[in-house]
C-alpha cells in the first residue's frame, strides 16, 4: 500500500510547476527501497523446491 501511495505522490509531484526535483528524487529513492524490501520478502516466502 505504501508503494502505491508513493506512486501517486510521485505522479502528482511530477505534474506540479515548478517541479521539485529534490523531493521527486527522494520519493523515487524511497519507492525503490520499498520495492527491494518487497522482493526480499517474496524471496524468503518462496519454497526452495517446487511442490
PDB file of N, CA and C in Angstrom:
ATOM      1  N   UNK A   1       0.824  -1.193   0.000  1.00  0.00           N
ATOM      2  CA  UNK A   1       0.000   0.000   0.000  1.00  0.00           C
ATOM      3  C   UNK A   1       0.868   1.258   0.000  1.00  0.00           C
ATOM      4  N   UNK A   2       1.942   1.210   0.768  1.00  0.00           N
ATOM      5  CA  UNK A   2       2.819   2.380   0.814  1.00  0.00           C
ATOM      6  C   UNK A   2       3.466   2.627  -0.550  1.00  0.00           C
ATOM      7  N   UNK A   3       3.794   1.540  -1.250  1.00  0.00           N
ATOM      8  CA  UNK A   3       4.386   1.648  -2.579  1.00  0.00           C
ATOM      9  C   UNK A   3       3.400   2.335  -3.531  1.00  0.00           C
ATOM     10  N   UNK A   4       2.136   1.956  -3.466  1.00  0.00           N
ATOM     11  CA  UNK A   4       1.118   2.572  -4.316  1.00  0.00           C
ATOM     12  C   UNK A   4       0.927   4.047  -3.964  1.00  0.00           C
ATOM     13  N   UNK A   5       0.971   4.371  -2.676  1.00  0.00           N
ATOM     14  CA  UNK A   5       0.858   5.763  -2.256  1.00  0.00           C
ATOM     15  C   UNK A   5       2.009   6.586  -2.811  1.00  0.00           C
ATOM     16  N   UNK A   6       3.214   6.020  -2.762  1.00  0.00           N
ATOM     17  CA  UNK A   6       4.369   6.733  -3.300  1.00  0.00           C
ATOM     18  C   UNK A   6       4.220   6.960  -4.793  1.00  0.00           C
ATOM     19  N   UNK A   7       3.709   5.971  -5.508  1.00  0.00           N
ATOM     20  CA  UNK A   7       3.475   6.147  -6.944  1.00  0.00           C
ATOM     21  C   UNK A   7       2.549   7.329  -7.189  1.00  0.00           C
ATOM     22  N   UNK A   8       1.484   7.421  -6.423  1.00  0.00           N
ATOM     23  CA  UNK A   8       0.540   8.516  -6.564  1.00  0.00           C
ATOM     24  C   UNK A   8       1.173   9.862  -6.254  1.00  0.00           C
ATOM     25  N   UNK A   9       1.958   9.926  -5.186  1.00  0.00           N
ATOM     26  CA  UNK A   9       2.612  11.181  -4.812  1.00  0.00           C
ATOM     27  C   UNK A   9       3.645  11.590  -5.857  1.00  0.00           C
ATOM     28  N   UNK A  10       4.359  10.613  -6.413  1.00  0.00           N
ATOM     29  CA  UNK A  10       5.347  10.914  -7.448  1.00  0.00           C
ATOM     30  C   UNK A  10       4.653  11.455  -8.687  1.00  0.00           C
ATOM     31  N   UNK A  11       3.542  10.830  -9.063  1.00  0.00           N
ATOM     32  CA  UNK A  11       2.784  11.314 -10.220  1.00  0.00           C
ATOM     33  C   UNK A  11       2.292  12.747 -10.004  1.00  0.00           C
ATOM     34  N   UNK A  12       1.774  13.032  -8.806  1.00  0.00           N
ATOM     35  CA  UNK A  12       1.291  14.376  -8.509  1.00  0.00           C
ATOM     36  C   UNK A  12       2.421  15.390  -8.543  1.00  0.00           C
ATOM     37  N   UNK A  13       3.557  15.033  -7.964  1.00  0.00           N
ATOM     38  CA  UNK A  13       4.683  15.947  -7.898  1.00  0.00           C
ATOM     39  C   UNK A  13       5.271  16.200  -9.280  1.00  0.00           C
ATOM     40  N   UNK A  14       5.202  15.200 -10.149  1.00  0.00           N
ATOM     41  CA  UNK A  14       5.778  15.325 -11.483  1.00  0.00           C
ATOM     42  C   UNK A  14       5.008  16.327 -12.345  1.00  0.00           C
ATOM     43  N   UNK A  15       3.735  16.557 -12.049  1.00  0.00           N
ATOM     44  CA  UNK A  15       2.942  17.480 -12.874  1.00  0.00           C
ATOM     45  C   UNK A  15       2.839  18.878 -12.264  1.00  0.00           C
ATOM     46  N   UNK A  16       3.350  19.069 -11.056  1.00  0.00           N
ATOM     47  CA  UNK A  16       3.286  20.395 -10.447  1.00  0.00           C
ATOM     48  C   UNK A  16       4.372  21.287 -11.022  1.00  0.00           C
ATOM     49  N   UNK A  17       4.050  22.556 -11.080  1.00  0.00           N
ATOM     50  CA  UNK A  17       5.008  23.535 -11.591  1.00  0.00           C
ATOM     51  C   UNK A  17       5.212  24.559 -10.490  1.00  0.00           C
ATOM     52  N   UNK A  18       6.380  24.916 -10.086  1.00  0.00           N
ATOM     53  CA  UNK A  18       7.656  24.390 -10.570  1.00  0.00           C
ATOM     54  C   UNK A  18       7.920  22.988 -10.003  1.00  0.00           C
ATOM     55  N   UNK A  19       8.648  22.229 -10.758  1.00  0.00           N
ATOM     56  CA  UNK A  19       8.963  20.859 -10.404  1.00  0.00           C
ATOM     57  C   UNK A  19       9.970  20.832  -9.260  1.00  0.00           C
ATOM     58  N   UNK A  20       9.649  20.093  -8.207  1.00  0.00           N
ATOM     59  CA  UNK A  20      10.533  19.977  -7.047  1.00  0.00           C
ATOM     60  C   UNK A  20      11.403  18.736  -7.234  1.00  0.00           C
ATOM     61  N   UNK A  21      12.543  18.912  -7.888  1.00  0.00           N
ATOM     62  CA  UNK A  21      13.416  17.791  -8.250  1.00  0.00           C
ATOM     63  C   UNK A  21      13.915  17.035  -7.028  1.00  0.00           C
ATOM     64  N   UNK A  22      14.274  17.734  -5.963  1.00  0.00           N
ATOM     65  CA  UNK A  22      14.812  17.079  -4.778  1.00  0.00           C
ATOM     66  C   UNK A  22      13.772  16.166  -4.138  1.00  0.00           C
ATOM     67  N   UNK A  23      12.573  16.658  -3.966  1.00  0.00           N
ATOM     68  CA  UNK A  23      11.506  15.842  -3.384  1.00  0.00           C
ATOM     69  C   UNK A  23      11.181  14.654  -4.274  1.00  0.00           C
ATOM     70  N   UNK A  24      11.170  14.886  -5.581  1.00  0.00           N
ATOM     71  CA  UNK A  24      10.879  13.814  -6.523  1.00  0.00           C
ATOM     72  C   UNK A  24      11.938  12.718  -6.430  1.00  0.00           C
ATOM     73  N   UNK A  25      13.205  13.097  -6.362  1.00  0.00           N
ATOM     74  CA  UNK A  25      14.282  12.106  -6.242  1.00  0.00           C
ATOM     75  C   UNK A  25      14.185  11.345  -4.935  1.00  0.00           C
ATOM     76  N   UNK A  26      13.845  12.028  -3.845  1.00  0.00           N
ATOM     77  CA  UNK A  26      13.710  11.360  -2.535  1.00  0.00           C
ATOM     78  C   UNK A  26      12.577  10.340  -2.561  1.00  0.00           C
ATOM     79  N   UNK A  27      11.440  10.720  -3.136  1.00  0.00           N
ATOM     80  CA  UNK A  27      10.309   9.799  -3.216  1.00  0.00           C
ATOM     81  C   UNK A  27      10.641   8.584  -4.076  1.00  0.00           C
ATOM     82  N   UNK A  28      11.318   8.810  -5.190  1.00  0.00           N
ATOM     83  CA  UNK A  28      11.682   7.695  -6.061  1.00  0.00           C
ATOM     84  C   UNK A  28      12.670   6.758  -5.375  1.00  0.00           C
ATOM     85  N   UNK A  29      13.593   7.320  -4.610  1.00  0.00           N
ATOM     86  CA  UNK A  29      14.557   6.503  -3.881  1.00  0.00           C
ATOM     87  C   UNK A  29      13.851   5.667  -2.818  1.00  0.00           C
ATOM     88  N   UNK A  30      12.888   6.272  -2.128  1.00  0.00           N
ATOM     89  CA  UNK A  30      12.114   5.552  -1.104  1.00  0.00           C
ATOM     90  C   UNK A  30      11.277   4.451  -1.738  1.00  0.00           C
ATOM     91  N   UNK A  31      10.690   4.742  -2.909  1.00  0.00           N
ATOM     92  CA  UNK A  31       9.896   3.740  -3.626  1.00  0.00           C
ATOM     93  C   UNK A  31      10.774   2.558  -4.035  1.00  0.00           C
ATOM     94  N   UNK A  32      11.978   2.838  -4.502  1.00  0.00           N
ATOM     95  CA  UNK A  32      12.899   1.775  -4.889  1.00  0.00           C
ATOM     96  C   UNK A  32      13.295   0.921  -3.687  1.00  0.00           C
ATOM     97  N   UNK A  33      13.521   1.550  -2.542  1.00  0.00           N
ATOM     98  CA  UNK A  33      13.857   0.801  -1.331  1.00  0.00           C
ATOM     99  C   UNK A  33      12.699  -0.108  -0.926  1.00  0.00           C
ATOM    100  N   UNK A  34      11.481   0.392  -1.031  1.00  0.00           N
ATOM    101  CA  UNK A  34      10.310  -0.435  -0.709  1.00  0.00           C
ATOM    102  C   UNK A  34      10.184  -1.604  -1.677  1.00  0.00           C
ATOM    103  N   UNK A  35      10.449  -1.350  -2.959  1.00  0.00           N
ATOM    104  CA  UNK A  35      10.386  -2.410  -3.959  1.00  0.00           C
ATOM    105  C   UNK A  35      11.408  -3.497  -3.639  1.00  0.00           C
ATOM    106  N   UNK A  36      12.600  -3.085  -3.197  1.00  0.00           N
ATOM    107  CA  UNK A  36      13.629  -4.055  -2.808  1.00  0.00           C
ATOM    108  C   UNK A  36      13.200  -4.864  -1.589  1.00  0.00           C
ATOM    109  N   UNK A  37      12.566  -4.213  -0.621  1.00  0.00           N
ATOM    110  CA  UNK A  37      12.080  -4.915   0.565  1.00  0.00           C
ATOM    111  C   UNK A  37      11.008  -5.925   0.184  1.00  0.00           C
ATOM    112  N   UNK A  38      10.108  -5.537  -0.705  1.00  0.00           N
ATOM    113  CA  UNK A  38       9.045  -6.436  -1.152  1.00  0.00           C
ATOM    114  C   UNK A  38       9.653  -7.654  -1.841  1.00  0.00           C
ATOM    115  N   UNK A  39      10.632  -7.431  -2.708  1.00  0.00           N
ATOM    116  CA  UNK A  39      11.280  -8.534  -3.416  1.00  0.00           C
ATOM    117  C   UNK A  39      11.985  -9.466  -2.441  1.00  0.00           C
ATOM    118  N   UNK A  40      12.637  -8.903  -1.427  1.00  0.00           N
ATOM    119  CA  UNK A  40      13.322  -9.730  -0.437  1.00  0.00           C
ATOM    120  C   UNK A  40      12.326 -10.578   0.348  1.00  0.00           C
ATOM    121  N   UNK A  41      11.200  -9.998   0.722  1.00  0.00           N
ATOM    122  CA  UNK A  41      10.181 -10.747   1.453  1.00  0.00           C
ATOM    123  C   UNK A  41       9.581 -11.857   0.592  1.00  0.00           C
ATOM    124  N   UNK A  42       9.368 -11.578  -0.680  1.00  0.00           N
ATOM    125  CA  UNK A  42       8.832 -12.601  -1.571  1.00  0.00           C
ATOM    126  C   UNK A  42       9.815 -13.755  -1.724  1.00  0.00           C
ATOM    127  N   UNK A  43      11.104 -13.452  -1.773  1.00  0.00           N
ATOM    128  CA  UNK A  43      12.133 -14.486  -1.897  1.00  0.00           C
ATOM    129  C   UNK A  43      12.159 -15.367  -0.662  1.00  0.00           C
ATOM    130  N   UNK A  44      12.015 -14.767   0.509  1.00  0.00           N
ATOM    131  CA  UNK A  44      12.023 -15.520   1.761  1.00  0.00           C
ATOM    132  C   UNK A  44      10.815 -16.443   1.838  1.00  0.00           C
ATOM    133  N   UNK A  45       9.690 -15.989   1.346  1.00  0.00           N
ATOM    134  CA  UNK A  45       8.455 -16.756   1.445  1.00  0.00           C
ATOM    135  C   UNK A  45       8.312 -17.852   0.407  1.00  0.00           C
ATOM    136  N   UNK A  46       9.152 -17.838  -0.623  1.00  0.00           N
ATOM    137  CA  UNK A  46       9.075 -18.877  -1.643  1.00  0.00           C
ATOM    138  C   UNK A  46       9.764 -20.150  -1.167  1.00  0.00           C
ATOM    139  N   UNK A  47       9.178 -21.320  -1.432  1.00  0.00           N
ATOM    140  CA  UNK A  47       9.845 -22.559  -1.031  1.00  0.00           C
ATOM    141  C   UNK A  47      11.083 -22.797  -1.911  1.00  0.00           C
ATOM    142  N   UNK A  48      12.047 -23.547  -1.353  1.00  0.00           N
ATOM    143  CA  UNK A  48      13.284 -23.822  -2.082  1.00  0.00           C
ATOM    144  C   UNK A  48      13.051 -24.759  -3.264  1.00  0.00           C
ATOM    145  N   UNK A  49      12.153 -25.726  -3.085  1.00  0.00           N
ATOM    146  CA  UNK A  49      11.884 -26.702  -4.131  1.00  0.00           C
ATOM    147  C   UNK A  49      10.427 -26.595  -4.575  1.00  0.00           C
ATOM    148  N   UNK A  50      10.178 -26.775  -5.853  1.00  0.00           N
ATOM    149  CA  UNK A  50       8.784 -26.752  -6.305  1.00  0.00           C
ATOM    150  C   UNK A  50       8.017 -27.938  -5.737  1.00  0.00           C
ATOM    151  N   UNK A  51       6.780 -27.733  -5.453  1.00  0.00           N
ATOM    152  CA  UNK A  51       5.949 -28.791  -4.867  1.00  0.00           C
ATOM    153  C   UNK A  51       5.522 -29.809  -5.889  1.00  0.00           C
TER     154      UNK A  51
END
